[in-house]
Amino acid sequence: MIKLVVNGVIAGFVVVAVSEVARRYPRVADVILAVPLVVFAVYALMYLRTPDLAPISRMAMQMLVLVPLSLVFFVPLAFAERFDLTFWPAYALGLGLVTASVSTYLWFTA
């Protein structure tokens, strides 16, 4: 239980830190967010716990599909001004699009 709390605190710290970097240096934050640092850490920890490459390979194959599917989240935000959307409607639309694309993928591959 303590490990779960520590992981949650660390994750919260990372979110706050990146949002602060984004406020001051947006381009640096773009790079931090674009590079899947969490994936690197998770794969390394998985391998350290159980040195078996098979589950990591399966996850990597899924990531090759899920990452492009999740990019639809950014479309409404990128074109919000063109379509006269404020932040929250564009954000909600992005969440809806990513939910629909990932759900559709999971439905057809179940």
Foldseek 3Di string as FASTA:
>chain_A
DVVVVVVVVVVVVVVVVLVVCCVVPVVVSVVVVVPPPVLVVVLVVVCVVPVDCVVNVVVVVVCVVLVVLLVQLCVLVVCCVVVVHDDPVSNVVSVVSSCVSVVVVVVVVD
